[in-house]
N, C-alpha and C. Protein backbone atom coordinates (compact mmCIF):
# COMPACT_ATOMS: atom_id res chain seq x y z
N MET A 1 -2.12 -13.25 5.17
CA MET A 1 -0.96 -12.86 4.33
C MET A 1 0.57 -13.12 5.00
N SER A 2 1.36 -14.25 4.23
CA SER A 2 2.41 -14.06 4.86
C SER A 2 3.36 -13.20 4.87
N THR A 3 4.74 -13.26 5.82
CA THR A 3 5.57 -12.03 5.69
C THR A 3 6.17 -11.86 4.46
N ILE A 4 6.54 -12.83 3.66
CA ILE A 4 7.11 -12.64 2.42
C ILE A 4 6.16 -11.91 1.50
N THR A 5 4.91 -12.17 1.37
CA THR A 5 3.96 -11.62 0.73
C THR A 5 3.57 -9.98 1.16
N LYS A 6 3.88 -9.80 2.47
CA LYS A 6 3.72 -8.65 2.75
C LYS A 6 5.09 -7.54 2.20
N TRP A 7 6.16 -8.19 2.28
CA TRP A 7 7.30 -7.49 2.12
C TRP A 7 7.72 -7.45 0.40
N ALA A 8 7.07 -8.46 -0.28
CA ALA A 8 7.40 -8.30 -1.73
C ALA A 8 6.96 -6.95 -2.46
N PRO A 9 5.69 -6.59 -2.04
CA PRO A 9 5.35 -5.28 -2.79
C PRO A 9 6.04 -4.18 -2.46
N ALA A 10 6.49 -4.14 -1.08
CA ALA A 10 7.53 -3.06 -0.63
C ALA A 10 8.76 -2.90 -1.35
N VAL A 11 9.50 -4.20 -1.55
CA VAL A 11 10.72 -4.21 -2.17
C VAL A 11 10.32 -3.98 -3.88
N LEU A 12 9.32 -4.41 -4.54
CA LEU A 12 9.18 -4.05 -5.73
C LEU A 12 8.90 -2.44 -5.88
N ALA A 13 8.28 -1.93 -5.12
CA ALA A 13 8.05 -0.34 -5.10
C ALA A 13 9.41 0.18 -4.82
N LEU A 14 10.35 -0.30 -3.98
CA LEU A 14 11.64 0.29 -3.61
C LEU A 14 12.36 0.37 -5.08
N VAL A 15 12.42 -0.87 -5.84
CA VAL A 15 12.90 -0.90 -7.05
C VAL A 15 12.38 -0.11 -8.09
N LEU A 16 11.23 0.19 -8.08
CA LEU A 16 10.73 1.17 -9.03
C LEU A 16 11.20 2.48 -8.92
N VAL A 17 11.47 2.86 -7.51
CA VAL A 17 11.60 4.30 -7.01
C VAL A 17 13.20 4.42 -7.23
N ALA A 18 13.89 3.54 -6.71
CA ALA A 18 15.40 3.74 -6.70
C ALA A 18 16.18 3.45 -8.04
N SER A 19 15.71 2.71 -8.86
CA SER A 19 16.40 2.42 -10.13
C SER A 19 16.07 3.44 -11.11
N PRO A 20 17.01 4.09 -11.52
CA PRO A 20 17.07 5.38 -12.38
C PRO A 20 16.35 5.14 -13.78
N GLY A 21 16.60 3.84 -14.33
CA GLY A 21 16.20 3.50 -15.74
C GLY A 21 14.22 3.31 -15.54
N VAL A 22 14.23 2.61 -14.46
CA VAL A 22 12.55 2.36 -14.57
C VAL A 22 12.04 3.49 -13.95
N TRP A 23 12.55 4.23 -13.03
CA TRP A 23 12.12 5.52 -12.51
C TRP A 23 11.55 6.42 -13.46
N ARG A 24 12.28 6.63 -14.65
CA ARG A 24 12.03 7.56 -15.73
C ARG A 24 10.36 7.22 -16.24
N TYR A 25 9.87 6.15 -16.08
CA TYR A 25 8.70 5.62 -16.58
C TYR A 25 7.61 5.57 -15.28
N SER A 26 8.12 4.97 -14.38
CA SER A 26 7.12 4.93 -13.19
C SER A 26 6.93 6.01 -12.58
N ARG A 27 7.61 7.24 -12.61
CA ARG A 27 7.50 8.43 -12.11
C ARG A 27 6.17 9.04 -12.70
N HIS A 28 5.73 8.83 -13.91
CA HIS A 28 4.52 9.31 -14.25
C HIS A 28 3.31 9.10 -13.50
N VAL A 29 3.26 8.06 -12.74
CA VAL A 29 2.33 7.75 -11.75
C VAL A 29 2.44 8.80 -10.66
N ILE A 30 3.39 9.17 -10.07
CA ILE A 30 3.63 10.16 -9.16
C ILE A 30 3.38 11.76 -9.52
N THR A 31 3.74 11.85 -10.97
CA THR A 31 3.04 13.17 -11.67
C THR A 31 1.70 13.13 -11.64
N ILE A 32 0.95 12.17 -11.91
CA ILE A 32 -0.48 12.29 -11.79
C ILE A 32 -0.84 12.70 -10.61
N ALA A 33 -0.39 12.03 -9.61
CA ALA A 33 -0.80 12.30 -8.12
C ALA A 33 -0.47 13.83 -7.87
N HIS A 34 0.59 14.26 -8.41
CA HIS A 34 1.03 15.80 -8.05
C HIS A 34 0.15 16.60 -8.76
N GLU A 35 -0.29 16.42 -9.96
CA GLU A 35 -1.07 17.26 -10.31
C GLU A 35 -2.50 17.18 -9.74
N ALA A 36 -2.87 16.07 -9.71
CA ALA A 36 -4.15 15.76 -9.10
C ALA A 36 -4.25 16.65 -7.79
N GLY A 37 -3.20 16.77 -6.95
CA GLY A 37 -3.25 17.58 -5.71
C GLY A 37 -3.54 18.91 -6.09
N HIS A 38 -2.79 19.53 -7.04
CA HIS A 38 -2.84 20.95 -7.32
C HIS A 38 -4.30 21.28 -7.56
N ALA A 39 -4.76 20.45 -8.58
CA ALA A 39 -6.22 20.33 -9.14
C ALA A 39 -7.42 20.37 -7.97
N LEU A 40 -7.23 19.30 -7.17
CA LEU A 40 -8.21 19.23 -6.07
C LEU A 40 -8.17 20.41 -5.14
N VAL A 41 -7.02 21.08 -4.79
CA VAL A 41 -7.00 21.90 -3.77
C VAL A 41 -7.49 23.31 -4.58
N ALA A 42 -6.99 23.43 -5.87
CA ALA A 42 -7.81 24.56 -6.64
C ALA A 42 -9.07 24.44 -6.70
N LEU A 43 -9.87 23.53 -6.70
CA LEU A 43 -11.36 23.51 -6.69
C LEU A 43 -11.78 23.65 -5.24
N LEU A 44 -11.10 23.08 -4.29
CA LEU A 44 -11.59 23.24 -2.75
C LEU A 44 -11.40 24.77 -2.41
N THR A 45 -10.49 25.24 -2.83
CA THR A 45 -10.44 26.86 -2.57
C THR A 45 -11.14 27.90 -3.44
N GLY A 46 -11.86 27.20 -4.28
CA GLY A 46 -12.65 28.26 -5.09
C GLY A 46 -12.15 28.76 -6.31
N ARG A 47 -10.99 28.16 -6.49
CA ARG A 47 -10.26 28.79 -7.96
C ARG A 47 -10.75 27.90 -9.14
N ARG A 48 -10.91 28.55 -10.48
CA ARG A 48 -11.43 28.03 -11.52
C ARG A 48 -10.23 27.17 -12.13
N LEU A 49 -10.67 25.69 -12.25
CA LEU A 49 -9.73 24.91 -12.60
C LEU A 49 -9.93 24.89 -14.17
N GLU A 50 -9.05 25.12 -15.12
CA GLU A 50 -9.20 25.20 -16.70
C GLU A 50 -8.24 23.88 -17.21
N GLY A 51 -7.59 23.23 -16.82
CA GLY A 51 -7.03 22.14 -17.35
C GLY A 51 -5.69 21.43 -16.63
N ILE A 52 -5.43 20.22 -17.32
CA ILE A 52 -4.37 19.75 -16.57
C ILE A 52 -3.42 19.24 -17.77
N LYS A 53 -2.06 19.24 -17.96
CA LYS A 53 -1.43 18.54 -18.81
C LYS A 53 -0.13 17.73 -18.14
N LEU A 54 -0.11 16.34 -18.80
CA LEU A 54 0.89 15.54 -18.22
C LEU A 54 1.86 15.36 -19.37
N ASN A 55 3.14 15.62 -19.23
CA ASN A 55 4.11 15.72 -20.41
C ASN A 55 4.87 14.28 -20.22
N SER A 56 5.41 13.91 -21.65
CA SER A 56 6.20 12.64 -21.49
C SER A 56 7.58 12.69 -20.92
N ASP A 57 8.15 13.94 -20.44
CA ASP A 57 9.37 14.03 -19.73
C ASP A 57 9.00 13.91 -18.05
N THR A 58 7.89 13.53 -17.74
CA THR A 58 7.25 13.27 -16.31
C THR A 58 6.97 14.73 -15.71
N SER A 59 7.08 15.62 -16.36
CA SER A 59 6.71 17.04 -15.95
C SER A 59 5.19 17.13 -16.12
N GLY A 60 4.48 17.98 -15.41
CA GLY A 60 3.09 18.28 -15.72
C GLY A 60 2.66 19.84 -15.23
N VAL A 61 1.50 20.35 -15.67
CA VAL A 61 1.00 21.38 -15.34
C VAL A 61 -0.25 21.56 -14.82
N THR A 62 -0.86 22.37 -13.97
CA THR A 62 -2.26 22.52 -13.85
C THR A 62 -2.60 24.03 -13.96
N VAL A 63 -3.48 24.42 -14.69
CA VAL A 63 -3.89 25.82 -14.82
C VAL A 63 -5.14 25.98 -14.23
N SER A 64 -4.92 27.03 -13.55
CA SER A 64 -6.40 27.52 -12.47
C SER A 64 -6.34 28.98 -12.78
N ARG A 65 -7.44 29.67 -12.49
CA ARG A 65 -7.61 31.02 -12.44
C ARG A 65 -8.18 31.48 -11.20
N GLY A 66 -7.81 32.53 -10.78
CA GLY A 66 -7.99 33.23 -9.43
C GLY A 66 -7.14 34.25 -8.76
N ARG A 67 -7.08 34.54 -7.72
CA ARG A 67 -6.15 35.54 -7.12
C ARG A 67 -4.79 34.90 -7.30
N PRO A 68 -3.85 35.80 -7.69
CA PRO A 68 -2.36 35.39 -7.72
C PRO A 68 -1.67 35.20 -6.47
N THR A 69 -2.32 35.86 -5.51
CA THR A 69 -1.73 35.78 -4.14
C THR A 69 -2.77 35.29 -2.91
N GLY A 70 -2.41 34.99 -1.97
CA GLY A 70 -3.31 34.56 -0.92
C GLY A 70 -3.25 32.88 -0.53
N VAL A 71 -4.10 32.69 0.68
CA VAL A 71 -3.89 31.28 1.13
C VAL A 71 -4.29 30.27 0.06
N ALA A 72 -5.39 30.59 -0.72
CA ALA A 72 -5.84 29.57 -1.57
C ALA A 72 -4.55 29.17 -2.62
N VAL A 73 -3.78 30.16 -3.24
CA VAL A 73 -2.97 29.81 -4.22
C VAL A 73 -1.56 29.26 -3.47
N VAL A 74 -1.38 29.62 -2.22
CA VAL A 74 -0.32 28.91 -1.55
C VAL A 74 -0.46 27.56 -1.20
N LEU A 75 -1.80 27.30 -0.92
CA LEU A 75 -2.34 25.82 -0.52
C LEU A 75 -2.19 24.68 -1.84
N MET A 76 -2.38 25.65 -3.11
CA MET A 76 -2.46 24.93 -4.18
C MET A 76 -1.17 24.63 -4.76
N TYR A 77 -0.13 25.63 -4.61
CA TYR A 77 1.23 25.10 -4.84
C TYR A 77 1.94 24.33 -3.87
N PHE A 78 1.56 24.37 -2.61
CA PHE A 78 2.20 23.50 -1.75
C PHE A 78 1.58 21.99 -1.97
N ALA A 79 0.55 21.76 -2.36
CA ALA A 79 -0.16 20.51 -2.32
C ALA A 79 0.47 19.58 -3.46
N GLY A 80 1.12 20.10 -4.57
CA GLY A 80 1.31 19.06 -5.41
C GLY A 80 2.56 18.18 -4.80
N TYR A 81 3.68 18.54 -4.28
CA TYR A 81 4.77 17.40 -3.92
C TYR A 81 4.41 16.59 -2.67
N VAL A 82 3.32 17.15 -1.89
CA VAL A 82 3.06 16.28 -0.88
C VAL A 82 1.64 15.25 -0.87
N THR A 83 1.01 15.64 -2.18
CA THR A 83 -0.12 14.70 -2.40
C THR A 83 0.29 13.34 -2.61
N PRO A 84 1.07 12.94 -3.24
CA PRO A 84 1.46 11.50 -3.50
C PRO A 84 1.81 10.68 -2.15
N SER A 85 2.38 11.42 -1.27
CA SER A 85 2.80 10.91 -0.10
C SER A 85 1.40 10.72 0.89
N LEU A 86 0.68 11.87 0.90
CA LEU A 86 -0.61 11.79 1.62
C LEU A 86 -1.74 10.87 1.02
N LEU A 87 -1.78 10.65 -0.22
CA LEU A 87 -2.51 9.54 -0.83
C LEU A 87 -2.04 8.17 -0.19
N GLY A 88 -0.44 8.08 -0.34
CA GLY A 88 -0.23 6.72 0.11
C GLY A 88 -0.55 6.48 1.62
N LEU A 89 -0.45 7.49 2.43
CA LEU A 89 -0.93 7.37 3.89
C LEU A 89 -2.45 6.94 3.87
N GLY A 90 -3.16 7.63 3.31
CA GLY A 90 -4.58 7.30 3.22
C GLY A 90 -4.61 6.01 2.76
N ALA A 91 -4.10 5.44 1.74
CA ALA A 91 -4.22 4.18 1.16
C ALA A 91 -3.70 3.19 2.33
N ALA A 92 -2.46 3.36 3.02
CA ALA A 92 -2.06 2.54 3.96
C ALA A 92 -3.31 2.30 5.24
N ALA A 93 -3.96 3.52 5.49
CA ALA A 93 -4.97 3.21 6.47
C ALA A 93 -6.10 2.49 5.91
N LEU A 94 -6.35 2.42 4.65
CA LEU A 94 -7.43 1.47 4.16
C LEU A 94 -6.94 0.18 4.03
N VAL A 95 -5.56 -0.10 3.52
CA VAL A 95 -5.34 -1.37 3.60
C VAL A 95 -5.04 -2.17 4.86
N THR A 96 -4.51 -1.41 5.88
CA THR A 96 -4.68 -2.12 7.30
C THR A 96 -6.01 -2.27 7.71
N ALA A 97 -6.95 -1.62 7.50
CA ALA A 97 -8.27 -1.77 7.90
C ALA A 97 -9.02 -2.75 6.81
N GLU A 98 -8.20 -3.32 6.08
CA GLU A 98 -8.63 -4.49 5.04
C GLU A 98 -9.78 -3.99 3.99
N HIS A 99 -9.70 -2.74 3.71
CA HIS A 99 -10.75 -1.92 2.73
C HIS A 99 -10.14 -2.02 1.39
N VAL A 100 -9.46 -3.22 1.03
CA VAL A 100 -8.70 -3.08 -0.36
C VAL A 100 -9.62 -2.71 -1.51
N ARG A 101 -10.81 -3.44 -1.84
CA ARG A 101 -11.51 -3.06 -2.90
C ARG A 101 -12.06 -1.65 -2.95
N PRO A 102 -12.43 -1.05 -1.76
CA PRO A 102 -12.81 0.11 -1.97
C PRO A 102 -11.81 1.21 -2.30
N LEU A 103 -10.56 0.75 -1.96
CA LEU A 103 -9.26 1.65 -2.16
C LEU A 103 -9.00 1.72 -3.69
N LEU A 104 -9.22 0.43 -4.35
CA LEU A 104 -9.08 0.11 -5.69
C LEU A 104 -10.05 1.20 -6.44
N TRP A 105 -11.22 0.88 -6.01
CA TRP A 105 -12.53 1.51 -6.87
C TRP A 105 -12.33 3.15 -6.63
N ALA A 106 -11.85 3.46 -5.57
CA ALA A 106 -11.92 5.03 -5.27
C ALA A 106 -10.73 5.65 -6.14
N THR A 107 -9.57 4.92 -6.39
CA THR A 107 -8.58 5.25 -7.18
C THR A 107 -9.14 5.55 -8.71
N VAL A 108 -9.87 4.22 -9.16
CA VAL A 108 -10.40 4.36 -10.46
C VAL A 108 -11.39 5.75 -10.54
N GLY A 109 -12.19 5.79 -9.88
CA GLY A 109 -13.13 6.88 -9.69
C GLY A 109 -12.19 8.26 -9.77
N LEU A 110 -11.19 8.35 -8.95
CA LEU A 110 -10.44 9.65 -8.87
C LEU A 110 -9.87 9.72 -10.19
N LEU A 111 -9.27 8.84 -10.87
CA LEU A 111 -8.63 8.93 -12.31
C LEU A 111 -9.78 9.46 -13.24
N ALA A 112 -10.78 8.67 -13.20
CA ALA A 112 -11.93 9.13 -14.13
C ALA A 112 -12.20 10.50 -14.03
N ALA A 113 -12.32 11.04 -12.97
CA ALA A 113 -12.58 12.33 -12.46
C ALA A 113 -11.75 13.19 -13.11
N MET A 114 -10.33 12.95 -13.11
CA MET A 114 -9.22 13.70 -13.55
C MET A 114 -9.03 13.77 -14.87
N LEU A 115 -9.43 12.67 -15.56
CA LEU A 115 -9.56 12.67 -17.04
C LEU A 115 -10.38 13.49 -17.72
N ILE A 116 -11.42 14.09 -17.13
CA ILE A 116 -12.28 15.20 -17.59
C ILE A 116 -11.16 16.44 -17.73
N MET A 117 -10.51 16.71 -17.00
CA MET A 117 -9.57 17.83 -16.97
C MET A 117 -8.04 17.91 -17.99
N ILE A 118 -7.72 16.76 -18.38
CA ILE A 118 -6.79 16.53 -19.02
C ILE A 118 -6.87 17.19 -20.49
N ARG A 119 -5.78 17.81 -20.59
CA ARG A 119 -5.77 18.82 -21.94
C ARG A 119 -4.73 18.29 -22.97
N ASN A 120 -3.92 17.14 -22.92
CA ASN A 120 -3.38 16.75 -23.97
C ASN A 120 -3.24 15.07 -24.11
N ALA A 121 -2.66 14.79 -25.25
CA ALA A 121 -2.89 13.39 -25.70
C ALA A 121 -2.10 12.44 -24.76
N PHE A 122 -0.94 13.11 -24.42
CA PHE A 122 -0.14 12.04 -23.65
C PHE A 122 -0.64 11.97 -22.12
N GLY A 123 -1.38 13.04 -21.61
CA GLY A 123 -1.98 12.97 -20.46
C GLY A 123 -3.25 11.89 -20.33
N VAL A 124 -3.81 12.13 -21.46
CA VAL A 124 -5.16 11.14 -21.60
C VAL A 124 -4.45 9.50 -21.53
N LEU A 125 -3.47 9.42 -22.26
CA LEU A 125 -2.74 8.17 -22.39
C LEU A 125 -2.50 7.80 -20.98
N SER A 126 -1.67 8.45 -20.36
CA SER A 126 -1.22 8.18 -18.92
C SER A 126 -2.33 7.68 -17.91
N VAL A 127 -3.40 8.67 -18.03
CA VAL A 127 -4.49 8.40 -16.96
C VAL A 127 -5.21 7.28 -17.33
N VAL A 128 -5.34 7.10 -18.72
CA VAL A 128 -6.24 5.83 -19.03
C VAL A 128 -5.52 4.34 -18.69
N LEU A 129 -4.15 4.48 -19.10
CA LEU A 129 -3.38 3.38 -18.81
C LEU A 129 -3.33 3.10 -17.22
N THR A 130 -3.21 4.02 -16.66
CA THR A 130 -3.25 3.75 -14.97
C THR A 130 -4.58 3.27 -14.51
N GLY A 131 -5.67 3.99 -15.04
CA GLY A 131 -7.03 3.51 -14.62
C GLY A 131 -7.31 2.26 -15.04
N ALA A 132 -6.91 1.88 -16.17
CA ALA A 132 -7.18 0.66 -16.61
C ALA A 132 -6.53 -0.73 -16.05
N VAL A 133 -5.29 -0.30 -15.45
CA VAL A 133 -4.39 -1.30 -14.51
C VAL A 133 -5.41 -1.61 -13.26
N MET A 134 -5.86 -0.15 -12.70
CA MET A 134 -6.39 -0.27 -11.35
C MET A 134 -7.80 -1.10 -11.59
N PHE A 135 -8.63 -0.83 -12.60
CA PHE A 135 -9.86 -1.41 -12.89
C PHE A 135 -9.63 -2.82 -13.23
N THR A 136 -8.77 -3.40 -13.89
CA THR A 136 -8.43 -4.80 -14.30
C THR A 136 -8.21 -5.48 -12.95
N VAL A 137 -7.31 -5.03 -12.04
CA VAL A 137 -7.24 -5.69 -10.77
C VAL A 137 -8.19 -5.78 -9.97
N SER A 138 -8.92 -4.67 -9.84
CA SER A 138 -10.08 -4.61 -8.88
C SER A 138 -11.16 -5.50 -9.25
N TRP A 139 -11.23 -5.76 -10.84
CA TRP A 139 -12.47 -6.56 -11.17
C TRP A 139 -12.14 -7.91 -11.38
N TYR A 140 -10.95 -8.10 -11.83
CA TYR A 140 -10.82 -9.73 -12.35
C TYR A 140 -9.76 -10.28 -11.41
N ALA A 141 -8.81 -9.71 -10.37
CA ALA A 141 -7.88 -10.48 -9.62
C ALA A 141 -8.76 -11.00 -8.48
N THR A 142 -7.83 -12.22 -7.81
CA THR A 142 -8.35 -12.62 -6.79
C THR A 142 -8.05 -11.67 -5.57
N ALA A 143 -8.76 -11.93 -4.47
CA ALA A 143 -8.65 -11.17 -3.42
C ALA A 143 -7.05 -11.00 -2.74
N GLU A 144 -6.71 -12.09 -2.82
CA GLU A 144 -5.10 -12.27 -2.26
C GLU A 144 -4.32 -11.27 -3.40
N TRP A 145 -4.52 -11.26 -4.68
CA TRP A 145 -3.79 -10.51 -5.45
C TRP A 145 -4.15 -8.96 -5.39
N GLN A 146 -5.21 -8.75 -5.20
CA GLN A 146 -5.64 -7.35 -4.78
C GLN A 146 -5.16 -6.74 -3.67
N ALA A 147 -5.06 -7.29 -2.61
CA ALA A 147 -4.27 -7.12 -1.44
C ALA A 147 -2.67 -6.76 -1.72
N SER A 148 -2.17 -7.80 -2.46
CA SER A 148 -0.74 -7.41 -2.74
C SER A 148 -0.77 -6.40 -3.78
N PHE A 149 -1.37 -6.02 -4.60
CA PHE A 149 -1.41 -4.71 -5.40
C PHE A 149 -1.59 -3.72 -4.64
N ALA A 150 -2.72 -3.60 -3.86
CA ALA A 150 -2.95 -2.39 -3.01
C ALA A 150 -1.80 -2.00 -2.14
N LEU A 151 -1.05 -3.17 -1.65
CA LEU A 151 0.07 -2.89 -0.95
C LEU A 151 1.09 -2.42 -1.67
N PHE A 152 1.52 -2.67 -2.90
CA PHE A 152 2.39 -2.40 -3.98
C PHE A 152 2.14 -0.74 -4.09
N VAL A 153 0.99 -0.43 -4.37
CA VAL A 153 0.55 0.81 -4.83
C VAL A 153 0.86 1.65 -3.82
N THR A 154 0.41 1.40 -2.42
CA THR A 154 0.78 2.02 -1.19
C THR A 154 1.99 2.41 -0.93
N TRP A 155 2.96 1.37 -1.14
CA TRP A 155 4.47 1.66 -0.96
C TRP A 155 5.05 2.57 -1.89
N PHE A 156 4.43 2.36 -3.18
CA PHE A 156 5.20 3.10 -4.49
C PHE A 156 4.60 4.49 -4.03
N LEU A 157 3.36 4.91 -3.48
CA LEU A 157 3.10 6.40 -3.31
C LEU A 157 3.85 7.06 -2.15
N LEU A 158 4.32 6.05 -1.11
CA LEU A 158 5.08 6.50 0.01
C LEU A 158 6.34 6.68 -0.36
N LEU A 159 7.05 5.75 -0.95
CA LEU A 159 8.52 6.05 -1.41
C LEU A 159 8.82 6.89 -2.81
N GLY A 160 7.71 6.82 -3.51
CA GLY A 160 7.77 7.56 -4.71
C GLY A 160 7.42 9.21 -4.50
N GLY A 161 6.83 9.32 -3.32
CA GLY A 161 6.61 10.75 -2.87
C GLY A 161 7.95 11.50 -2.51
N VAL A 162 8.83 10.68 -1.96
CA VAL A 162 9.93 11.38 -1.35
C VAL A 162 11.20 11.75 -2.37
N ARG A 163 11.28 10.93 -3.38
CA ARG A 163 12.42 11.23 -4.39
C ARG A 163 12.28 12.52 -5.18
N PRO A 164 11.10 12.82 -5.77
CA PRO A 164 10.74 14.11 -6.39
C PRO A 164 11.31 15.36 -5.58
N VAL A 165 11.13 15.32 -4.42
CA VAL A 165 11.72 16.48 -3.61
C VAL A 165 13.17 16.71 -3.61
N GLY A 166 13.80 15.46 -3.62
CA GLY A 166 15.28 15.57 -3.66
C GLY A 166 15.70 15.98 -5.05
N GLU A 167 15.10 15.54 -5.92
CA GLU A 167 15.24 15.99 -7.47
C GLU A 167 14.83 17.50 -7.68
N LEU A 168 13.81 17.88 -7.16
CA LEU A 168 13.44 19.48 -7.25
C LEU A 168 14.60 20.31 -6.66
N GLN A 169 15.24 19.96 -5.56
CA GLN A 169 16.42 20.98 -4.78
C GLN A 169 17.46 20.51 -5.75
N GLY A 170 17.79 19.31 -6.48
CA GLY A 170 18.93 19.19 -7.22
C GLY A 170 18.83 20.29 -8.32
N ARG A 171 17.66 20.09 -9.15
CA ARG A 171 17.49 21.15 -10.19
C ARG A 171 17.35 22.53 -9.73
N ARG A 172 17.02 23.07 -8.70
CA ARG A 172 17.02 24.34 -7.97
C ARG A 172 18.58 24.68 -7.85
N MET A 173 19.56 23.93 -7.40
CA MET A 173 20.85 24.08 -7.19
C MET A 173 21.54 24.45 -8.35
N ARG A 174 21.17 23.74 -9.45
CA ARG A 174 21.73 23.89 -10.70
C ARG A 174 20.96 24.94 -11.48
N GLY A 175 20.04 25.92 -11.02
CA GLY A 175 19.41 26.77 -11.54
C GLY A 175 18.46 26.48 -12.88
N ARG A 176 18.02 25.27 -12.64
CA ARG A 176 16.96 24.61 -13.84
C ARG A 176 15.52 24.71 -13.43
N ALA A 177 15.22 25.04 -12.30
CA ALA A 177 13.96 25.08 -11.90
C ALA A 177 13.32 26.38 -11.51
N PRO A 178 13.42 27.57 -12.09
CA PRO A 178 13.10 28.79 -11.77
C PRO A 178 11.47 29.16 -11.61
N GLN A 179 10.92 28.03 -12.06
CA GLN A 179 9.30 28.12 -12.07
C GLN A 179 8.69 27.13 -11.40
N SER A 180 9.48 26.36 -10.35
CA SER A 180 9.19 25.26 -9.63
C SER A 180 8.16 25.57 -8.54
N ASP A 181 7.28 24.75 -8.01
CA ASP A 181 6.44 25.18 -6.84
C ASP A 181 7.10 25.66 -5.66
N ALA A 182 8.32 25.55 -5.26
CA ALA A 182 9.12 25.93 -4.17
C ALA A 182 9.26 27.53 -4.61
N ASP A 183 9.84 27.56 -5.78
CA ASP A 183 10.02 29.02 -6.04
C ASP A 183 8.76 29.95 -6.32
N GLN A 184 7.76 29.23 -6.83
CA GLN A 184 6.43 30.17 -7.10
C GLN A 184 5.82 30.52 -5.67
N LEU A 185 6.03 29.68 -4.56
CA LEU A 185 5.72 30.03 -3.09
C LEU A 185 6.54 31.02 -2.69
N ALA A 186 7.84 30.75 -2.97
CA ALA A 186 8.83 31.82 -2.33
C ALA A 186 8.51 33.48 -3.06
N ARG A 187 7.93 33.45 -4.23
CA ARG A 187 7.72 34.77 -4.62
C ARG A 187 6.38 35.06 -4.11
N ILE A 188 5.41 34.22 -3.88
CA ILE A 188 4.05 34.65 -3.18
C ILE A 188 4.32 35.10 -1.90
N THR A 189 5.14 34.57 -0.96
CA THR A 189 5.04 34.53 0.41
C THR A 189 6.24 35.26 0.94
N ARG A 190 7.51 35.52 0.06
CA ARG A 190 8.72 35.92 0.26
C ARG A 190 9.46 35.03 1.48
N VAL A 191 9.00 33.92 1.60
CA VAL A 191 9.50 32.79 2.48
C VAL A 191 10.59 31.92 1.44
N PRO A 192 11.81 32.08 1.69
CA PRO A 192 12.85 31.35 0.83
C PRO A 192 12.53 29.94 0.20
N GLY A 193 12.71 29.75 -0.95
CA GLY A 193 12.29 28.64 -1.56
C GLY A 193 12.80 27.24 -0.83
N LEU A 194 14.17 27.55 -0.56
CA LEU A 194 14.85 26.27 0.44
C LEU A 194 13.98 25.76 1.41
N VAL A 195 13.25 26.84 2.11
CA VAL A 195 12.46 26.54 3.37
C VAL A 195 11.04 25.64 2.81
N TRP A 196 10.56 26.04 1.71
CA TRP A 196 9.41 25.21 1.13
C TRP A 196 9.97 23.88 0.91
N VAL A 197 11.10 23.57 0.31
CA VAL A 197 11.70 22.47 -0.01
C VAL A 197 11.75 21.50 1.12
N PHE A 198 12.20 22.13 2.31
CA PHE A 198 12.29 21.53 3.52
C PHE A 198 11.07 21.00 3.99
N LEU A 199 9.85 21.75 3.74
CA LEU A 199 8.56 21.44 4.23
C LEU A 199 8.17 20.51 3.39
N PHE A 200 8.31 20.40 2.12
CA PHE A 200 7.80 19.19 1.46
C PHE A 200 8.52 18.12 1.77
N ALA A 201 9.91 18.11 2.03
CA ALA A 201 10.58 16.89 2.64
C ALA A 201 10.03 16.33 3.89
N ALA A 202 9.58 17.51 5.07
CA ALA A 202 9.14 17.22 6.23
C ALA A 202 8.06 16.28 5.94
N VAL A 203 7.00 16.47 5.32
CA VAL A 203 5.86 16.10 4.90
C VAL A 203 5.92 14.61 4.21
N THR A 204 6.87 14.67 3.22
CA THR A 204 6.71 13.22 2.56
C THR A 204 7.80 12.16 3.40
N VAL A 205 8.75 12.64 3.95
CA VAL A 205 9.65 11.66 4.91
C VAL A 205 8.72 11.35 6.09
N GLY A 206 7.99 12.12 6.62
CA GLY A 206 7.08 11.94 7.86
C GLY A 206 5.95 10.94 7.44
N THR A 207 5.54 11.06 6.28
CA THR A 207 4.29 10.01 5.77
C THR A 207 4.76 8.88 5.43
N LEU A 208 6.06 8.93 5.04
CA LEU A 208 6.61 7.55 4.91
C LEU A 208 6.77 6.85 6.09
N LEU A 209 7.45 7.48 7.06
CA LEU A 209 7.71 6.79 8.33
C LEU A 209 6.50 6.27 8.97
N LEU A 210 5.39 7.13 8.81
CA LEU A 210 4.02 6.73 9.67
C LEU A 210 3.30 5.70 8.82
N GLY A 211 3.46 5.77 7.46
CA GLY A 211 2.60 4.80 6.72
C GLY A 211 3.53 3.44 6.81
N GLY A 212 4.97 3.35 6.79
CA GLY A 212 5.60 2.40 7.06
C GLY A 212 5.40 1.59 8.20
N ARG A 213 5.35 2.34 9.31
CA ARG A 213 5.24 1.66 10.54
C ARG A 213 3.71 0.90 10.70
N MET A 214 2.71 1.60 9.83
CA MET A 214 1.43 1.06 9.69
C MET A 214 1.38 -0.44 8.92
N LEU A 215 2.36 -0.22 7.78
CA LEU A 215 2.42 -1.47 7.05
C LEU A 215 3.29 -2.57 7.30
N LEU A 216 4.15 -2.30 7.89
CA LEU A 216 5.29 -3.30 8.16
C LEU A 216 4.73 -4.51 8.98
N PRO A 217 5.18 -5.71 8.77
CA PRO A 217 4.81 -6.96 9.53
C PRO A 217 5.14 -6.85 10.79
N LEU A 218 4.32 -6.97 11.89
CA LEU A 218 4.60 -6.85 13.33
C LEU A 218 5.41 -8.12 13.54
């Protein structure tokens, strides 16, 4: 793969994340990953997952039942903002190991599993469309196009995982996010919400730097 081919997916991903008009739509993919993180951790920690909603304003909610306090619920709330970046880091590892098709198929499988728990029409549409794109590329595209697409998805997750953290703090400063993950964590742990935002930022920026180092042409 040429240097230009390696850089093009990163540039496209940056445009989708940095452009306000486009970000309004592309952010839905990050929301899917965000809510999937909540759902997965809820299941892994023994909570009862009741459903996921994805809204047209790019917000989402994952409903689970269990103890209102404790390590499990802290991990569940923490997972949302860091999951897109961690998925991007995992994707970077698979791409650099040339496991492109397994990456695409694993993504399709995860989306199919998530679809079972979606509880609203817009959420179903979002997940189905995203899964359809992944399936089409994995089944019909050439190996070179699959590699370029996998690079694009990886960069988009790494870059797209950072911006929502800044947006979160912006809403918090304006008093428009009283029920945010950071504020929920603050109520549970009595650790200030700003500290949780900094932790979200540390993870997302750290994974971007690490994943970027793995992906950038030598």
